[in-house]
Every structure is written in C-alpha cells, then in structure tokens.
Amino acid sequence: MPLLDLVTSWVAVVSAGGDATARFRARHAALLERVRRQAAPDRTALPLLPHGLLLDLAVRQAHDATTLDALEHVERAAAALGADVPHTTVLLAQDGPGESMLALPGDPSLVVLSLAQRTDATALSLAKVRGQALLTRWSASEGASPLRTVAQGMVWDRWELARTTRLREWLYASGVATHLAAAVLPTLAPHQLLGLKRGELARLRERERPLRDLLATEMDHTGLGPLLRWLIPETPAGLRTTTTQIIPPGAGNYLAWRMTAERVERVGLREALRLEA
C-alpha cells in the first residue's frame, strides 16, 4: 500500500522550530495546495496542527500497527471488489473543521486522511474505503462518470466542478461508496456506515418519502448550493435551508445509499462504480 505519512514528519519539523516548517511546506507544496483547495479554500495555506494533545494523538495513530494493518487490509478488499484505481494514501494532521477524508483524482491520485479528526482504526478504514470508491468512480479509465475525463486533465477542484456537474453524479458516487464500505466492513451497522447516530438514522427513515420528493426537484441541478445542502454534513444549517425546510445533516448520503441499493444488488459493485449515474 503506497502510504505517505506527513504526520510524523510534521511533528518533527514543529519540534525543530525555526524555518523547518517553511521547508516542510515548500517540500510538499503541491500536495498541500491540492488539499487546501478542497478543505480550506478560504485560507491562504492549509492549517496544520500545532504542538498539543491532538497532534500527539495523531502521531500515535500514524504509528499504530493495528491502524496501519487495517488500512492495508481494507485497501486490498476494496480493490478486489472493484475499487482498484492506483493511488497513495496520505496521513495528514490537518487543523480546524473540515472533512476527515478527501478523494483527489489526478497524478498522483490521493486518498487523504486527517488524523486530527479520526482517532480509531475502524473510522479511518471506513473513510479509506469511501475514498477508494470515489477515486474509482471519478477516474477509472472504463468508467462512465462525466467527471472521469476532467480528473485526467486538470487539478481536481470539486467546488469548481460543482458549478457544471449535476447533483445526481455526486449522490450516485456517495451511494455506491457506502455500499462498498458495507461490503468491506460488514460488521458496521448502517448508522455507522453513514456517520450517523442511531436516532438520526431513525429520523431520516421516518422522513424518507418527503425528503426524496424534495431531492427529486434538485437531482439535475448544478452549483454549490445543492452539493452543500445535501452532501456536506458539516454545512451550517442556514445553507441547508430550502424555501420549505432544513435538510438534516447526512440526508443526502442516506438517500444516496438507499437509491443505489437496487443497482448494486443487480450488477455488483465493480460495475456499479463505473456505470452512468
């Protein structure tokens, strides 16, 4: 498993002080910029953890044999099921709010895991499998995603791509990624696969029909609004508000999981990852 541990090297330069951090950022400038564009587009540089408890926890996780073995195991299992696009897994000590995983198609393709926000092997494994699914969906040479050719010819930026990519594609990718995770990590309950609490999942089930009806009106819309509203759980409530209601966090990922179930069962994960949404 190609693995780039930027947590351990970051701890070393933070401890060294002086201009060591500047040299670290210069050495990894291209990678850090790719992550910044997705995780912190409002910042001029990607914020990384300073000295403290969170950084100590992150470096312990980066060295934990159970975690590293789990990541290697799920990578092989996901590849055997069809998520087999070559990539590098990057361990990063990102500071501040944001998503714990980023899938970045390109050269090289990356699955970036933020150890500041995921502190156990199971959660990291789940994020890793989802990342592999998304990379495969968006860059497999035989795939039908409208983002496949984009991923081969530009620096990946989903915020820009959202302006011209229908919500349908983002939903489909999320749904199939959840089904892949369920196959690779069969002991996880649905609420764990979706990053929800049991009660949150129960409430989404109760509201599924009206939420589906509302989602149907936006499936073919483009723009940042639909993407933020439905598929970024960290989006503030104000941006998840429509003219009639507030979209619950995780609603889009839940509906995507439900709506892709029939296709995954019918054609299998490998084909589902590559078919048109």
Protein backbone atom coordinates (compact mmCIF):
# COMPACT_ATOMS: atom_id res chain seq x y z
CA MET A 1 0.00 0.00 0.00
CA PRO A 2 1.66 3.28 -1.04
CA LEU A 3 1.50 5.38 2.14
CA LEU A 4 2.74 8.90 2.72
CA ASP A 5 2.93 9.73 6.43
CA LEU A 6 3.01 13.52 6.71
CA VAL A 7 2.01 13.40 10.38
CA THR A 8 5.31 12.07 11.69
CA SER A 9 7.37 14.42 9.53
CA TRP A 10 5.20 17.37 10.58
CA VAL A 11 5.73 16.58 14.27
CA ALA A 12 9.48 16.56 13.68
CA VAL A 13 9.53 19.97 12.00
CA VAL A 14 7.21 21.52 14.59
CA SER A 15 9.57 20.29 17.30
CA ALA A 16 12.58 21.65 15.43
CA GLY A 17 11.07 25.12 15.08
CA GLY A 18 12.79 27.86 13.13
CA ASP A 19 12.38 27.65 9.39
CA ALA A 20 11.82 23.87 9.42
CA THR A 21 8.05 24.31 8.97
CA ALA A 22 8.60 26.55 5.96
CA ARG A 23 10.88 23.95 4.40
CA PHE A 24 8.28 21.25 5.06
CA ARG A 25 5.58 23.30 3.36
CA ALA A 26 7.84 24.04 0.42
CA ARG A 27 8.79 20.37 0.02
CA HIS A 28 5.14 19.29 -0.05
CA ALA A 29 3.70 22.44 -1.61
CA ALA A 30 1.86 20.80 -4.50
CA LEU A 31 0.14 18.21 -2.30
CA LEU A 32 -0.77 20.68 0.45
CA GLU A 33 -2.22 23.06 -2.13
CA ARG A 34 -4.38 20.30 -3.59
CA VAL A 35 -5.77 19.59 -0.12
CA ARG A 36 -6.19 23.28 0.74
CA ARG A 37 -8.35 23.90 -2.34
CA GLN A 38 -10.86 21.36 -1.04
CA ALA A 39 -10.53 21.58 2.75
CA ALA A 40 -9.79 25.26 3.39
CA PRO A 41 -10.44 27.32 0.24
CA ASP A 42 -10.81 30.46 2.36
CA ARG A 43 -7.25 30.14 3.72
CA THR A 44 -4.01 31.06 2.01
CA ALA A 45 -2.27 27.96 3.42
CA LEU A 46 -3.58 24.64 4.72
CA PRO A 47 -3.75 24.84 8.54
CA LEU A 48 -1.85 22.01 10.25
CA LEU A 49 -1.97 21.08 13.92
CA PRO A 50 0.34 22.94 16.32
CA HIS A 51 2.01 21.28 19.31
CA GLY A 52 -0.60 19.84 21.65
CA LEU A 53 -2.73 16.86 22.59
CA LEU A 54 -4.37 16.48 19.19
CA LEU A 55 -1.03 16.32 17.42
CA ASP A 56 0.23 13.77 19.97
CA LEU A 57 -2.84 11.62 19.32
CA ALA A 58 -2.41 11.96 15.55
CA VAL A 59 1.19 10.79 15.57
CA ARG A 60 0.33 7.83 17.81
CA GLN A 61 -2.34 6.82 15.33
CA ALA A 62 0.09 7.18 12.43
CA HIS A 63 2.41 4.72 14.20
CA ASP A 64 -0.29 2.33 15.42
CA ALA A 65 0.22 -1.13 13.91
CA THR A 66 -3.48 -2.02 14.22
CA THR A 67 -4.48 1.07 12.26
CA LEU A 68 -1.89 0.56 9.53
CA ASP A 69 -2.77 -3.13 9.18
CA ALA A 70 -6.47 -2.25 8.97
CA LEU A 71 -5.85 0.32 6.23
CA GLU A 72 -3.82 -2.19 4.23
CA HIS A 73 -6.49 -4.88 4.67
CA VAL A 74 -9.41 -2.72 3.57
CA GLU A 75 -7.45 -1.38 0.59
CA ARG A 76 -6.93 -4.92 -0.70
CA ALA A 77 -10.54 -5.87 -0.01
CA ALA A 78 -11.93 -2.78 -1.75
CA ALA A 79 -9.66 -3.34 -4.76
CA ALA A 80 -10.85 -6.95 -5.05
CA LEU A 81 -14.44 -5.64 -5.20
CA GLY A 82 -13.65 -3.16 -7.97
CA ALA A 83 -12.24 -0.02 -6.33
CA ASP A 84 -8.85 -0.69 -7.85
CA VAL A 85 -7.56 2.63 -9.19
CA PRO A 86 -3.89 3.03 -8.13
CA HIS A 87 -3.44 5.74 -5.51
CA THR A 88 -1.44 6.88 -2.50
CA THR A 89 -2.90 7.14 0.99
CA VAL A 90 -1.79 10.32 2.75
CA LEU A 91 -1.89 10.73 6.53
CA LEU A 92 -2.22 14.39 7.46
CA ALA A 93 -2.54 16.35 10.72
CA GLN A 94 -4.97 18.98 9.45
CA ASP A 95 -6.16 21.65 11.89
CA GLY A 96 -9.62 23.15 12.17
CA PRO A 97 -13.03 21.91 10.99
CA GLY A 98 -13.43 20.00 7.79
CA GLU A 99 -13.91 16.58 6.34
CA SER A 100 -11.85 13.67 7.60
CA MET A 101 -11.28 12.25 4.10
CA LEU A 102 -10.65 13.76 0.70
CA ALA A 103 -10.50 11.78 -2.54
CA LEU A 104 -8.32 13.67 -5.02
CA PRO A 105 -8.14 12.21 -8.54
CA GLY A 106 -5.13 13.24 -10.56
CA ASP A 107 -1.46 12.45 -10.90
CA PRO A 108 -0.96 11.02 -8.39
CA SER A 109 -4.43 10.08 -7.18
CA LEU A 110 -4.71 10.50 -3.42
CA VAL A 111 -6.90 9.43 -0.52
CA VAL A 112 -6.12 11.98 2.20
CA LEU A 113 -7.00 11.01 5.79
CA SER A 114 -6.98 13.65 8.51
CA LEU A 115 -5.83 12.01 11.74
CA ALA A 116 -6.84 15.07 13.72
CA GLN A 117 -10.48 14.14 13.18
CA ARG A 118 -10.45 10.33 13.10
CA THR A 119 -8.88 8.61 16.07
CA ASP A 120 -9.70 4.92 15.67
CA ALA A 121 -8.81 2.26 13.13
CA THR A 122 -12.42 1.49 12.18
CA ALA A 123 -13.33 5.08 11.36
CA LEU A 124 -10.14 5.53 9.35
CA SER A 125 -10.80 2.27 7.50
CA LEU A 126 -14.31 3.42 6.62
CA ALA A 127 -13.00 6.74 5.32
CA LYS A 128 -10.30 4.95 3.35
CA VAL A 129 -12.76 2.63 1.58
CA ARG A 130 -15.06 5.51 0.69
CA GLY A 131 -12.07 7.37 -0.73
CA GLN A 132 -11.11 4.41 -2.92
CA ALA A 133 -14.66 4.17 -4.21
CA LEU A 134 -14.77 7.85 -5.13
CA LEU A 135 -11.37 7.73 -6.85
CA THR A 136 -12.52 4.75 -8.91
CA ARG A 137 -15.83 6.36 -9.75
CA TRP A 138 -14.18 9.56 -10.96
CA SER A 139 -11.06 8.27 -12.68
CA ALA A 140 -11.37 4.62 -13.78
CA SER A 141 -10.46 4.54 -17.48
CA GLU A 142 -13.53 2.47 -18.40
CA GLY A 143 -15.95 4.45 -16.23
CA ALA A 144 -18.94 6.49 -17.39
CA SER A 145 -18.78 9.30 -14.84
CA PRO A 146 -18.85 12.74 -16.51
CA LEU A 147 -16.00 13.67 -14.15
CA ARG A 148 -13.64 10.96 -15.44
CA THR A 149 -12.09 12.99 -18.25
CA VAL A 150 -11.99 16.07 -16.04
CA ALA A 151 -9.98 14.18 -13.44
CA GLN A 152 -7.37 13.34 -16.06
CA GLY A 153 -6.85 16.86 -17.37
CA MET A 154 -6.89 19.37 -14.52
CA VAL A 155 -6.21 19.96 -10.85
CA TRP A 156 -9.20 18.44 -9.09
CA ASP A 157 -11.48 21.04 -7.52
CA ARG A 158 -14.96 19.82 -6.67
CA TRP A 159 -16.10 23.35 -5.75
CA GLU A 160 -15.46 24.44 -9.33
CA LEU A 161 -16.75 21.17 -10.77
CA ALA A 162 -19.99 21.54 -8.82
CA ARG A 163 -20.86 24.54 -10.97
CA THR A 164 -21.29 22.30 -14.04
CA THR A 165 -21.85 18.82 -12.55
CA ARG A 166 -25.36 17.70 -11.69
CA LEU A 167 -26.16 16.74 -8.10
CA ARG A 168 -27.14 13.31 -9.47
CA GLU A 169 -23.47 12.41 -10.05
CA TRP A 170 -22.31 13.42 -6.56
CA LEU A 171 -25.19 11.49 -4.99
CA TYR A 172 -24.53 8.38 -7.03
CA ALA A 173 -20.85 8.35 -6.10
CA SER A 174 -21.68 8.70 -2.41
CA GLY A 175 -24.27 5.93 -2.51
CA VAL A 176 -22.05 3.36 -4.21
CA ALA A 177 -19.18 4.29 -1.87
CA THR A 178 -21.39 3.45 1.10
CA HIS A 179 -22.31 0.07 -0.41
CA LEU A 180 -18.63 -0.71 -0.99
CA ALA A 181 -17.90 0.18 2.63
CA ALA A 182 -20.69 -2.15 3.77
CA ALA A 183 -19.16 -5.00 1.79
CA VAL A 184 -15.63 -4.39 3.06
CA LEU A 185 -16.68 -3.70 6.68
CA PRO A 186 -19.70 -5.98 7.15
CA THR A 187 -19.77 -5.68 10.95
CA LEU A 188 -20.65 -1.97 10.79
CA ALA A 189 -24.29 -1.03 11.26
CA PRO A 190 -25.96 1.28 8.73
CA HIS A 191 -25.77 4.31 11.01
CA GLN A 192 -22.01 3.76 11.40
CA LEU A 193 -21.51 3.43 7.65
CA LEU A 194 -23.31 6.74 7.19
CA GLY A 195 -21.57 8.54 10.04
CA LEU A 196 -24.83 9.00 11.95
CA LYS A 197 -26.20 8.25 15.38
CA ARG A 198 -28.92 5.61 15.65
CA GLY A 199 -31.55 8.22 16.41
CA GLU A 200 -30.50 10.37 13.46
CA LEU A 201 -30.85 7.43 11.11
CA ALA A 202 -34.26 6.57 12.56
CA ARG A 203 -35.47 10.12 11.96
CA LEU A 204 -34.21 10.06 8.38
CA ARG A 205 -36.09 6.81 7.78
CA GLU A 206 -39.27 8.44 9.10
CA ARG A 207 -38.85 11.40 6.73
CA GLU A 208 -37.57 9.45 3.75
CA ARG A 209 -40.54 9.97 1.46
CA PRO A 210 -40.80 13.79 1.75
CA LEU A 211 -37.01 14.09 1.62
CA ARG A 212 -36.93 12.00 -1.56
CA ASP A 213 -39.59 14.20 -3.09
CA LEU A 214 -37.61 17.31 -2.23
CA LEU A 215 -34.36 15.80 -3.52
CA ALA A 216 -36.05 14.86 -6.81
CA THR A 217 -36.55 18.56 -7.56
CA GLU A 218 -32.79 19.15 -7.30
CA MET A 219 -31.27 15.97 -8.78
CA ASP A 220 -30.40 17.62 -12.07
CA HIS A 221 -29.38 20.97 -10.62
CA THR A 222 -25.77 22.15 -10.68
CA GLY A 223 -24.00 24.60 -8.41
CA LEU A 224 -22.53 24.74 -4.93
CA GLY A 225 -25.92 25.07 -3.23
CA PRO A 226 -27.25 21.56 -3.90
CA LEU A 227 -23.88 19.94 -3.12
CA LEU A 228 -23.53 21.76 0.19
CA ARG A 229 -27.17 21.27 1.10
CA TRP A 230 -27.32 17.53 0.56
CA LEU A 231 -23.86 16.01 0.75
CA ILE A 232 -21.64 18.02 3.10
CA PRO A 233 -22.89 17.25 6.64
CA GLU A 234 -20.68 20.00 8.09
CA THR A 235 -22.62 22.65 6.15
CA PRO A 236 -24.24 25.20 8.54
CA ALA A 237 -28.00 24.95 8.94
CA GLY A 238 -28.56 28.23 7.14
CA LEU A 239 -27.06 26.81 3.95
CA ARG A 240 -29.07 23.59 4.33
CA THR A 241 -32.33 25.54 4.36
CA THR A 242 -34.70 25.44 1.41
CA THR A 243 -37.82 27.51 0.95
CA THR A 244 -39.79 24.92 2.94
CA GLN A 245 -37.45 23.15 5.39
CA ILE A 246 -33.96 22.47 6.74
CA ILE A 247 -32.26 19.45 5.22
CA PRO A 248 -30.98 17.24 8.07
CA PRO A 249 -27.22 16.62 8.12
CA GLY A 250 -26.47 13.35 6.34
CA ALA A 251 -29.78 13.26 4.47
CA GLY A 252 -28.19 13.21 1.03
CA ASN A 253 -25.75 10.43 1.91
CA TYR A 254 -28.60 8.41 3.40
CA LEU A 255 -30.84 8.84 0.36
CA ALA A 256 -27.92 8.12 -1.98
CA TRP A 257 -27.30 4.83 -0.15
CA ARG A 258 -30.96 3.88 -0.42
CA MET A 259 -31.35 4.92 -4.06
CA THR A 260 -28.31 3.00 -5.32
CA ALA A 261 -29.10 -0.24 -3.47
CA GLU A 262 -31.08 -1.86 -6.31
CA ARG A 263 -28.39 -1.22 -8.90
CA VAL A 264 -25.58 -2.51 -6.69
CA GLU A 265 -27.55 -5.67 -5.99
CA ARG A 266 -28.33 -6.14 -9.69
CA VAL A 267 -24.93 -5.50 -11.32
CA GLY A 268 -22.42 -5.77 -8.48
CA LEU A 269 -20.06 -3.20 -7.03
CA ARG A 270 -17.45 -3.22 -9.79
CA GLU A 271 -19.99 -2.36 -12.48
CA ALA A 272 -21.98 0.00 -10.29
CA LEU A 273 -18.87 2.08 -9.64
CA ARG A 274 -18.43 2.56 -13.37
CA LEU A 275 -21.94 2.91 -14.79
CA GLU A 276 -23.65 6.16 -15.68
CA ALA A 277 -25.48 7.71 -12.72
